[in-house]
Amino acid sequence: MTLPYERTRAIVKTEDFLRELSRDGGLPQDIRSYAKSLLRHYPSAAEVFSLGRLEECLASDTHDDEYRRRVIAFHQPLLCSSLEKER
């Protein structure tokens, strides 16, 4: 079973890896271009950590209502489920 912190680390490290690929002059141009195109819509580490904070806040009973309201209010939607039907 994958734990949330392992999933988070994998997403953040994948962004780093794609960035390295996109800048590696030793790779063919088509691979670098493909890495760049994937990065265009890939979530940044800051966005991933923001989602983590939102999930932790929603799942926790320890935060007061004001804190929870603020976390939800300041959260920007990053992902959607509508593409699930196309898989």
C-alpha atoms as a PDB file:
ATOM      1  CA  MET A   1       0.000   0.000   0.000  1.00  0.00           C
ATOM      2  CA  THR A   2       1.342   3.420  -0.951  1.00  0.00           C
ATOM      3  CA  LEU A   3       1.282   6.006   1.803  1.00  0.00           C
ATOM      4  CA  PRO A   4       0.322   9.649   1.126  1.00  0.00           C
ATOM      5  CA  TYR A   5       3.856  10.941   1.772  1.00  0.00           C
ATOM      6  CA  GLU A   6       5.272   8.371  -0.676  1.00  0.00           C
ATOM      7  CA  ARG A   7       2.780   9.426  -3.347  1.00  0.00           C
ATOM      8  CA  THR A   8       3.577  13.094  -2.730  1.00  0.00           C
ATOM      9  CA  ARG A   9       7.313  12.476  -2.975  1.00  0.00           C
ATOM     10  CA  ALA A  10       6.866  10.520  -6.227  1.00  0.00           C
ATOM     11  CA  ILE A  11       4.910  13.365  -7.836  1.00  0.00           C
ATOM     12  CA  VAL A  12       7.427  16.015  -6.734  1.00  0.00           C
ATOM     13  CA  LYS A  13      10.412  13.908  -7.839  1.00  0.00           C
ATOM     14  CA  THR A  14       8.750  13.196 -11.203  1.00  0.00           C
ATOM     15  CA  GLU A  15       8.513  16.943 -11.812  1.00  0.00           C
ATOM     16  CA  ASP A  16      12.246  17.237 -11.037  1.00  0.00           C
ATOM     17  CA  PHE A  17      13.016  14.323 -13.376  1.00  0.00           C
ATOM     18  CA  LEU A  18      11.007  15.782 -16.254  1.00  0.00           C
ATOM     19  CA  ARG A  19      12.738  19.128 -15.758  1.00  0.00           C
ATOM     20  CA  GLU A  20      16.147  17.407 -15.915  1.00  0.00           C
ATOM     21  CA  LEU A  21      15.139  15.559 -19.091  1.00  0.00           C
ATOM     22  CA  SER A  22      13.912  18.754 -20.722  1.00  0.00           C
ATOM     23  CA  ARG A  23      17.301  20.436 -20.109  1.00  0.00           C
ATOM     24  CA  ASP A  24      19.615  17.532 -20.966  1.00  0.00           C
ATOM     25  CA  GLY A  25      21.399  18.515 -24.176  1.00  0.00           C
ATOM     26  CA  GLY A  26      22.647  14.947 -24.579  1.00  0.00           C
ATOM     27  CA  LEU A  27      19.132  13.668 -25.241  1.00  0.00           C
ATOM     28  CA  PRO A  28      17.368  13.814 -28.609  1.00  0.00           C
ATOM     29  CA  GLN A  29      15.277  16.946 -29.176  1.00  0.00           C
ATOM     30  CA  ASP A  30      12.009  14.979 -29.401  1.00  0.00           C
ATOM     31  CA  ILE A  31      12.489  13.567 -25.885  1.00  0.00           C
ATOM     32  CA  ARG A  32      13.347  17.004 -24.464  1.00  0.00           C
ATOM     33  CA  SER A  33      10.328  18.529 -26.218  1.00  0.00           C
ATOM     34  CA  TYR A  34       8.048  15.805 -24.902  1.00  0.00           C
ATOM     35  CA  ALA A  35       9.294  16.354 -21.333  1.00  0.00           C
ATOM     36  CA  LYS A  36       8.672  20.109 -21.744  1.00  0.00           C
ATOM     37  CA  SER A  37       5.154  19.490 -23.029  1.00  0.00           C
ATOM     38  CA  LEU A  38       4.375  17.245 -20.042  1.00  0.00           C
ATOM     39  CA  LEU A  39       5.724  19.868 -17.635  1.00  0.00           C
ATOM     40  CA  ARG A  40       3.448  22.532 -19.111  1.00  0.00           C
ATOM     41  CA  HIS A  41       0.476  21.090 -17.214  1.00  0.00           C
ATOM     42  CA  TYR A  42       2.247  19.102 -14.515  1.00  0.00           C
ATOM     43  CA  PRO A  43       1.483  20.236 -10.944  1.00  0.00           C
ATOM     44  CA  SER A  44       4.265  22.135  -9.215  1.00  0.00           C
ATOM     45  CA  ALA A  45       5.574  21.038  -5.820  1.00  0.00           C
ATOM     46  CA  ALA A  46       3.769  24.014  -4.262  1.00  0.00           C
ATOM     47  CA  GLU A  47       0.464  22.880  -5.792  1.00  0.00           C
ATOM     48  CA  VAL A  48       0.974  19.302  -4.616  1.00  0.00           C
ATOM     49  CA  PHE A  49       1.743  20.443  -1.064  1.00  0.00           C
ATOM     50  CA  SER A  50      -1.306  22.735  -1.174  1.00  0.00           C
ATOM     51  CA  LEU A  51      -3.501  19.742  -2.018  1.00  0.00           C
ATOM     52  CA  GLY A  52      -1.887  17.827   0.830  1.00  0.00           C
ATOM     53  CA  ARG A  53      -2.698  20.618   3.289  1.00  0.00           C
ATOM     54  CA  LEU A  54      -6.300  20.694   2.070  1.00  0.00           C
ATOM     55  CA  GLU A  55      -6.687  16.912   2.410  1.00  0.00           C
ATOM     56  CA  GLU A  56      -5.142  16.917   5.886  1.00  0.00           C
ATOM     57  CA  CYS A  57      -7.401  19.757   6.972  1.00  0.00           C
ATOM     58  CA  LEU A  58     -10.547  18.085   5.664  1.00  0.00           C
ATOM     59  CA  ALA A  59      -9.668  14.766   7.285  1.00  0.00           C
ATOM     60  CA  SER A  60      -8.665  16.206  10.653  1.00  0.00           C
ATOM     61  CA  ASP A  61     -10.978  16.764  13.588  1.00  0.00           C
ATOM     62  CA  THR A  62      -8.409  18.864  15.444  1.00  0.00           C
ATOM     63  CA  HIS A  63      -8.694  22.088  13.416  1.00  0.00           C
ATOM     64  CA  ASP A  64     -11.302  24.633  14.343  1.00  0.00           C
ATOM     65  CA  ASP A  65     -13.996  25.683  11.893  1.00  0.00           C
ATOM     66  CA  GLU A  66     -12.341  29.024  11.117  1.00  0.00           C
ATOM     67  CA  TYR A  67      -9.056  27.363  10.116  1.00  0.00           C
ATOM     68  CA  ARG A  68     -10.893  24.830   7.957  1.00  0.00           C
ATOM     69  CA  ARG A  69     -12.965  27.576   6.313  1.00  0.00           C
ATOM     70  CA  ARG A  70      -9.816  29.563   5.447  1.00  0.00           C
ATOM     71  CA  VAL A  71      -7.944  26.570   4.019  1.00  0.00           C
ATOM     72  CA  ILE A  72     -10.921  25.730   1.813  1.00  0.00           C
ATOM     73  CA  ALA A  73     -11.450  29.364   0.769  1.00  0.00           C
ATOM     74  CA  PHE A  74      -7.832  29.867  -0.283  1.00  0.00           C
ATOM     75  CA  HIS A  75      -7.495  26.534  -2.072  1.00  0.00           C
ATOM     76  CA  GLN A  76      -7.370  26.766  -5.867  1.00  0.00           C
ATOM     77  CA  PRO A  77      -8.791  23.726  -7.708  1.00  0.00           C
ATOM     78  CA  LEU A  78      -5.937  21.811  -9.342  1.00  0.00           C
ATOM     79  CA  LEU A  79      -7.448  18.582 -10.620  1.00  0.00           C
ATOM     80  CA  CYS A  80     -10.773  17.278 -11.856  1.00  0.00           C
ATOM     81  CA  SER A  81     -12.394  13.879 -12.207  1.00  0.00           C
ATOM     82  CA  SER A  82     -14.192  14.471 -15.533  1.00  0.00           C
ATOM     83  CA  LEU A  83     -11.374  12.853 -17.534  1.00  0.00           C
ATOM     84  CA  GLU A  84     -11.885   9.601 -15.652  1.00  0.00           C
ATOM     85  CA  LYS A  85     -14.633   8.702 -18.120  1.00  0.00           C
ATOM     86  CA  GLU A  86     -12.170   8.922 -21.049  1.00  0.00           C
ATOM     87  CA  ARG A  87      -9.793   6.279 -19.643  1.00  0.00           C
END
